[in-house]
Protein backbone atom coordinates (compact mmCIF):
# COMPACT_ATOMS: atom_id res chain seq x y z
CA UNK A 1 0.00 0.00 0.00
CA UNK A 2 1.18 3.55 -0.65
CA UNK A 3 0.14 7.08 0.14
CA UNK A 4 1.25 10.49 -1.16
CA UNK A 5 2.81 12.78 1.43
CA UNK A 6 4.08 16.34 1.07
CA UNK A 7 7.72 15.91 2.08
CA UNK A 8 9.73 18.93 0.78
CA UNK A 9 8.62 22.56 0.93
CA UNK A 10 9.41 25.13 -1.77
CA UNK A 11 12.43 26.62 -0.01
CA UNK A 12 13.95 23.18 0.49
CA UNK A 13 13.50 22.30 -3.18
CA UNK A 14 14.85 25.64 -4.40
CA UNK A 15 17.93 25.58 -2.18
CA UNK A 16 18.58 21.91 -3.00
CA UNK A 17 18.82 22.48 -6.74
CA UNK A 18 20.76 25.73 -6.28
CA UNK A 19 23.32 23.92 -4.16
CA UNK A 20 23.51 21.07 -6.68
CA UNK A 21 24.51 23.50 -9.45
CA UNK A 22 26.80 25.49 -7.15
CA UNK A 23 28.66 22.39 -5.92
CA UNK A 24 29.22 21.14 -9.46
CA UNK A 25 30.72 24.45 -10.62
CA UNK A 26 32.74 24.83 -7.42
CA UNK A 27 34.23 21.37 -7.92
CA UNK A 28 35.17 21.93 -11.56
CA UNK A 29 36.50 25.46 -11.09
CA UNK A 30 38.43 24.32 -8.01
CA UNK A 31 40.24 21.71 -10.11
CA UNK A 32 41.15 24.48 -12.57
CA UNK A 33 42.70 26.46 -9.69
CA UNK A 34 44.55 23.36 -8.47
CA UNK A 35 46.06 22.86 -11.93
CA UNK A 36 47.98 26.12 -11.52
CA UNK A 37 49.99 24.51 -8.71
CA UNK A 38 49.25 20.75 -8.44
CA UNK A 39 51.00 20.18 -5.09
CA UNK A 40 49.75 20.03 -1.49
CA UNK A 41 51.72 20.97 1.65
CA UNK A 42 51.37 21.24 5.41
CA UNK A 43 52.36 24.50 7.09
CA UNK A 44 52.99 27.88 5.53
CA UNK A 45 55.68 27.10 2.96
CA UNK A 46 55.13 25.73 -0.54
CA UNK A 47 58.20 23.93 -1.88
CA UNK A 48 57.53 21.29 -4.60
CA UNK A 49 60.09 18.91 -3.10
CA UNK A 50 58.34 19.07 0.26
CA UNK A 51 54.83 18.32 -1.03
CA UNK A 52 53.06 15.31 0.45
CA UNK A 53 50.80 15.01 -2.61
CA UNK A 54 51.52 15.90 -6.23
CA UNK A 55 50.14 15.30 -9.72
CA UNK A 56 52.75 15.87 -12.40
CA UNK A 57 54.13 14.80 -15.76
CA UNK A 58 57.61 13.33 -16.39
CA UNK A 59 59.60 12.80 -19.58
CA UNK A 60 60.88 9.23 -19.67
CA UNK A 61 62.99 8.43 -22.71
CA UNK A 62 61.09 10.89 -24.89
CA UNK A 63 57.65 9.76 -23.65
CA UNK A 64 55.64 12.06 -21.38
CA UNK A 65 53.84 10.15 -18.66
CA UNK A 66 51.56 11.30 -15.84
CA UNK A 67 51.99 10.41 -12.18
CA UNK A 68 50.23 10.92 -8.86
CA UNK A 69 52.43 10.75 -5.77
CA UNK A 70 51.30 10.52 -2.13
CA UNK A 71 53.94 10.47 0.63
CA UNK A 72 56.52 9.10 -1.79
CA UNK A 73 54.24 6.37 -3.21
CA UNK A 74 53.92 6.97 -6.96
CA UNK A 75 51.21 5.69 -9.31
CA UNK A 76 51.24 5.93 -13.10
CA UNK A 77 48.13 7.89 -14.13
CA UNK A 78 48.90 8.46 -17.81
CA UNK A 79 45.72 8.99 -19.81
CA UNK A 80 43.78 10.38 -16.87
CA UNK A 81 45.89 12.58 -14.57
CA UNK A 82 49.17 14.42 -15.07
CA UNK A 83 49.20 14.61 -18.85
CA UNK A 84 46.57 15.19 -21.52
CA UNK A 85 46.80 14.42 -25.22
CA UNK A 86 45.90 17.45 -27.33
CA UNK A 87 46.08 18.33 -31.02
CA UNK A 88 49.60 19.63 -30.37
CA UNK A 89 50.64 16.46 -28.56
CA UNK A 90 50.91 15.50 -24.87
CA UNK A 91 50.47 18.46 -22.54
CA UNK A 92 51.28 18.48 -18.78
CA UNK A 93 48.01 19.01 -16.91
CA UNK A 94 46.98 17.67 -13.49
CA UNK A 95 43.26 17.33 -14.22
CA UNK A 96 41.96 17.03 -17.82
CA UNK A 97 40.07 19.85 -19.51
CA UNK A 98 36.73 17.99 -19.62
CA UNK A 99 36.43 18.15 -15.84
CA UNK A 100 37.50 21.79 -15.27
CA UNK A 101 35.82 25.20 -15.69
CA UNK A 102 36.96 26.81 -17.91
CA UNK A 103 38.02 23.90 -20.07
CA UNK A 104 41.20 25.61 -21.22
CA UNK A 105 43.95 26.72 -18.86
CA UNK A 106 42.85 30.03 -17.30
CA UNK A 107 43.56 30.61 -13.61
CA UNK A 108 41.88 34.03 -13.39
CA UNK A 109 38.70 32.71 -15.03
CA UNK A 110 38.62 29.72 -12.70
CA UNK A 111 38.95 31.97 -9.66
CA UNK A 112 36.04 34.16 -10.81
CA UNK A 113 33.75 31.17 -11.30
CA UNK A 114 34.85 29.72 -7.98
CA UNK A 115 34.42 32.84 -5.84
CA UNK A 116 30.99 33.72 -7.25
CA UNK A 117 29.49 30.28 -6.67
CA UNK A 118 31.25 29.95 -3.31
CA UNK A 119 29.28 32.92 -1.96
CA UNK A 120 26.11 31.60 -3.61
CA UNK A 121 26.66 28.23 -1.93
CA UNK A 122 27.24 29.81 1.49
CA UNK A 123 24.25 32.20 1.39
CA UNK A 124 21.96 29.56 -0.10
CA UNK A 125 22.93 27.08 2.61
CA UNK A 126 22.31 29.71 5.27
CA UNK A 127 18.82 30.35 3.86
CA UNK A 128 18.04 26.64 3.91
CA UNK A 129 19.24 26.21 7.49
CA UNK A 130 17.42 29.23 8.94
CA UNK A 131 14.14 28.52 7.17
CA UNK A 132 13.98 24.82 8.02
CA UNK A 133 15.25 25.39 11.54
CA UNK A 134 12.34 27.76 12.12
CA UNK A 135 9.92 25.12 10.82
CA UNK A 136 11.45 22.39 13.00
CA UNK A 137 12.63 20.33 10.02
CA UNK A 138 16.35 20.44 10.85
CA UNK A 139 16.03 18.32 13.99
CA UNK A 140 14.50 15.51 11.91
CA UNK A 141 17.84 14.70 10.23
CA UNK A 142 20.21 15.40 13.14
CA UNK A 143 22.08 12.29 14.25
CA UNK A 144 21.55 11.50 17.94
CA UNK A 145 23.23 8.82 20.12
CA UNK A 146 20.22 6.48 20.00
CA UNK A 147 20.66 6.24 16.21
CA UNK A 148 24.06 4.59 16.64
CA UNK A 149 22.56 1.16 17.26
CA UNK A 150 20.53 1.32 14.04
CA UNK A 151 23.45 1.96 11.66
CA UNK A 152 24.48 -1.69 11.23
CA UNK A 153 20.88 -2.95 10.75
CA UNK A 154 20.35 -0.20 8.16
CA UNK A 155 23.50 -1.25 6.28
CA UNK A 156 22.30 -4.87 6.30
CA UNK A 157 18.92 -3.71 4.98
CA UNK A 158 20.54 -1.89 2.06
CA UNK A 159 22.68 -4.97 1.35
CA UNK A 160 19.48 -7.07 1.18
CA UNK A 161 20.60 -9.06 4.23
CA UNK A 162 17.73 -7.82 6.38
CA UNK A 163 14.06 -7.84 5.45
CA UNK A 164 12.74 -5.05 7.67
CA UNK A 165 14.09 -1.50 7.71
CA UNK A 166 15.03 -0.07 11.14
CA UNK A 167 14.07 3.42 9.95
CA UNK A 168 11.89 5.45 12.29
CA UNK A 169 10.65 8.75 10.94
CA UNK A 170 11.43 10.61 7.73
CA UNK A 171 15.21 9.90 7.68
CA UNK A 172 17.05 6.67 8.39
CA UNK A 173 20.20 6.48 10.59
CA UNK A 174 22.64 6.55 7.65
CA UNK A 175 20.97 9.63 6.19
CA UNK A 176 21.09 11.36 9.57
CA UNK A 177 24.76 10.49 9.98
CA UNK A 178 25.63 11.81 6.52
CA UNK A 179 23.55 15.00 6.73
CA UNK A 180 24.79 15.84 10.22
CA UNK A 181 28.40 15.43 9.12
CA UNK A 182 27.89 17.53 5.98
CA UNK A 183 25.92 20.34 7.62
CA UNK A 184 27.83 20.72 10.87
CA UNK A 185 31.37 19.52 10.03
CA UNK A 186 32.22 19.55 6.31
CA UNK A 187 30.41 22.75 5.34
CA UNK A 188 31.83 25.00 8.11
CA UNK A 189 35.35 23.61 7.58
CA UNK A 190 35.35 24.02 3.81
CA UNK A 191 34.09 27.61 4.10
CA UNK A 192 36.64 28.55 6.76
CA UNK A 193 39.52 26.87 4.91
CA UNK A 194 38.55 28.70 1.73
CA UNK A 195 38.49 32.03 3.53
CA UNK A 196 41.85 31.24 5.14
CA UNK A 197 43.49 31.12 1.68
CA UNK A 198 42.50 34.71 0.90
CA UNK A 199 45.41 37.17 1.48
CA UNK A 200 42.99 40.06 2.11
CA UNK A 201 41.06 38.19 4.78
CA UNK A 202 44.27 36.92 6.37
CA UNK A 203 45.24 40.52 7.10
CA UNK A 204 41.90 41.30 8.76
CA UNK A 205 41.47 37.89 10.43
CA UNK A 206 44.92 36.44 11.04
CA UNK A 207 43.43 33.67 13.18
CA UNK A 208 41.89 32.04 10.08
CA UNK A 209 45.11 30.54 8.61
CA UNK A 210 46.48 29.98 12.11
CA UNK A 211 43.60 27.66 13.03
CA UNK A 212 44.67 25.32 10.20
CA UNK A 213 48.41 25.65 10.82
CA UNK A 214 49.14 27.95 7.87
CA UNK A 215 47.74 28.89 4.47
CA UNK A 216 49.15 25.80 2.76
CA UNK A 217 47.57 23.55 5.38
CA UNK A 218 44.26 25.34 4.80
CA UNK A 219 44.64 24.68 1.06
CA UNK A 220 45.29 20.98 1.68
CA UNK A 221 42.28 20.71 4.01
CA UNK A 222 40.13 22.51 1.42
CA UNK A 223 41.23 20.04 -1.29
CA UNK A 224 40.53 16.97 0.86
CA UNK A 225 37.11 18.27 1.93
CA UNK A 226 36.24 18.87 -1.72
CA UNK A 227 36.55 15.17 -2.47
CA UNK A 228 34.63 14.28 0.68
CA UNK A 229 31.81 16.43 -0.67
CA UNK A 230 32.14 14.61 -3.99
CA UNK A 231 31.98 11.25 -2.19
CA UNK A 232 28.84 12.36 -0.34
CA UNK A 233 27.26 13.51 -3.61
CA UNK A 234 27.92 10.19 -5.33
CA UNK A 235 26.50 8.34 -2.33
CA UNK A 236 23.45 10.58 -2.37
CA UNK A 237 22.88 9.90 -6.08
CA UNK A 238 23.35 6.17 -5.51
CA UNK A 239 20.70 6.13 -2.78
CA UNK A 240 18.29 8.07 -5.00
CA UNK A 241 18.82 5.56 -7.80
CA UNK A 242 18.40 2.47 -5.61
CA UNK A 243 15.36 3.64 -3.63
CA UNK A 244 13.23 4.84 -6.55
CA UNK A 245 14.43 7.45 -9.04
CA UNK A 246 10.97 8.62 -10.12
CA UNK A 247 9.58 8.85 -6.60
CA UNK A 248 12.62 10.71 -5.22
CA UNK A 249 12.87 13.10 -8.16
CA UNK A 250 9.17 13.87 -7.96
CA UNK A 251 9.47 14.68 -4.26
CA UNK A 252 12.34 17.11 -4.90
CA UNK A 253 10.57 18.77 -7.85
CA UNK A 254 6.93 18.86 -6.74
CA UNK A 255 7.32 18.09 -3.02
CA UNK A 256 5.09 14.99 -3.10
CA UNK A 257 6.51 11.63 -2.09
CA UNK A 258 4.78 8.25 -2.24
CA UNK A 259 5.33 6.54 1.09
CA UNK A 260 4.92 2.84 1.67
CA UNK A 261 2.53 1.96 4.47
CA UNK A 262 3.47 -1.16 6.38
CA UNK A 263 0.58 -3.63 6.76
CA UNK A 264 0.13 -5.06 10.24
CA UNK A 265 0.81 -8.77 10.50
CA UNK A 266 -2.38 -9.26 12.53
CA UNK A 267 -4.45 -8.46 9.45
CA UNK A 268 -2.53 -10.93 7.34
CA UNK A 269 -1.98 -13.91 9.62
CA UNK A 270 -5.07 -15.19 11.51
CA UNK A 271 -4.70 -15.86 15.19
CA UNK A 272 -4.19 -19.49 16.19
CA UNK A 273 -6.97 -20.76 18.44
CA UNK A 274 -7.48 -23.97 20.42
CA UNK A 275 -9.41 -26.71 18.59
CA UNK A 276 -13.16 -26.73 19.30
CA UNK A 277 -15.20 -29.93 19.41
CA UNK A 278 -17.76 -30.18 16.60
CA UNK A 279 -21.31 -29.30 17.55
CA UNK A 280 -24.21 -31.64 16.62
CA UNK A 281 -26.01 -30.77 13.45
CA UNK A 282 -29.18 -28.70 13.84
CA UNK A 283 -31.33 -31.32 12.10
CA UNK A 284 -30.50 -34.03 14.64
CA UNK A 285 -31.31 -31.87 17.62
CA UNK A 286 -34.53 -30.70 16.04
CA UNK A 287 -35.82 -34.24 15.41
CA UNK A 288 -34.71 -35.85 18.65
CA UNK A 289 -36.29 -33.43 21.07
CA UNK A 290 -39.87 -33.62 19.73
CA UNK A 291 -39.62 -37.45 19.58
CA UNK A 292 -38.53 -37.70 23.21
CA UNK A 293 -41.22 -35.31 24.31
CA UNK A 294 -43.84 -37.26 22.37
CA UNK A 295 -42.87 -40.60 23.93
CA UNK A 296 -42.89 -39.13 27.35
CA UNK A 297 -46.25 -37.42 26.96
CA UNK A 298 -48.23 -40.13 25.05
CA UNK A 299 -49.37 -42.08 28.18
CA UNK A 300 -50.41 -38.89 29.88
CA UNK A 301 -52.36 -37.76 26.83
CA UNK A 302 -54.08 -41.18 26.46
CA UNK A 303 -54.92 -41.22 30.14
CA UNK A 304 -56.34 -37.76 29.94
CA UNK A 305 -58.54 -38.74 26.98
CA UNK A 306 -60.20 -41.70 28.85
CA UNK A 307 -63.74 -40.90 30.11
CA UNK A 308 -64.06 -40.22 33.78
CA UNK A 309 -66.55 -42.65 35.36
CA UNK A 310 -69.57 -41.29 37.17
CA UNK A 311 -70.04 -41.94 40.90
CA UNK A 312 -72.88 -44.44 40.28
CA UNK A 313 -70.80 -46.50 37.87
CA UNK A 314 -67.93 -46.60 40.26
CA UNK A 315 -70.13 -48.02 43.06
CA UNK A 316 -71.78 -50.66 40.86
CA UNK A 317 -68.56 -51.96 39.46
CA UNK A 318 -67.04 -52.76 42.82
CA UNK A 319 -69.81 -55.13 44.04
CA UNK A 320 -69.81 -56.94 40.73
CA UNK A 321 -66.16 -57.57 41.06
CA UNK A 322 -66.77 -58.92 44.59
CA UNK A 323 -69.64 -61.31 43.56
CA UNK A 324 -67.56 -62.73 40.76
CA UNK A 325 -64.80 -63.62 43.17
CA UNK A 326 -67.26 -65.27 45.64
CA UNK A 327 -68.85 -67.38 42.86
CA UNK A 328 -65.45 -68.57 41.81
CA UNK A 329 -64.70 -69.68 45.38
CA UNK A 330 -68.02 -71.53 45.72
CA UNK A 331 -67.40 -73.35 42.48
CA UNK A 332 -64.05 -74.53 43.66
CA UNK A 333 -65.60 -75.87 46.81
């Protein structure tokens, strides 16, 4: 059984799609900015030899190959990262042009796209939080300690190893865990780390880069959080696809969601009762009782129908009976 329910209000739907577009452009323009210096550091200095993560191209015997290196561990990424084949031949490039905005190498253009949609993302998220907090919707997806015990059963349910969902309310424990982490941990950190990379803001608020251990540390944190956001987005899309694309998309476009109503087992499975001895058939009971009553009442009816003797007849009968007995005795003598 199913029933339509109004799940998402207009502000939620508007801010959701605005953030979806903003996050996509922020991700692609951020990769364009990273391409200008494809190295990550901890601290305040930025020396290529001291980077803990790098994406680069190397010329090996006349062949340009791409590599990604993390703490000295190098992986060949030719064809995807480090080098891109163009009409003019192989070109050193950390991330390929099809995943960056702009597609060609332009640091200034990438920064403009990034800064504009960064403020849009921040203000749009603030609008969503304030509006839904006032309506009491925010507390529905906040992860609380009692949800900890339902995480494993929910994972087993998604893996088809459990028949019944442990979800209680509008959001399940995994959704609450993800949304709480994104809203109250990832989003504040990625905004603060982005602001900490701004030289102008560092002058006015010198505590911003200091809280991350330096501007280069803030840049590294910002890069890592970007891919955590990407991981969350892919997980979100996966859940939408596996739990009903049409139903979920309709709820985020029109607000209406078709909810499944669980049917109580008492209405499906009849209660087990103790065996009852079979009752006699109505025909037998109907025929036996009149017969017994008839047998019992026939002598009384016959007796009642006999004529009652008159007093004169009763007196004459008795002497006759006595004379007959006396004659019999005389004859015997």
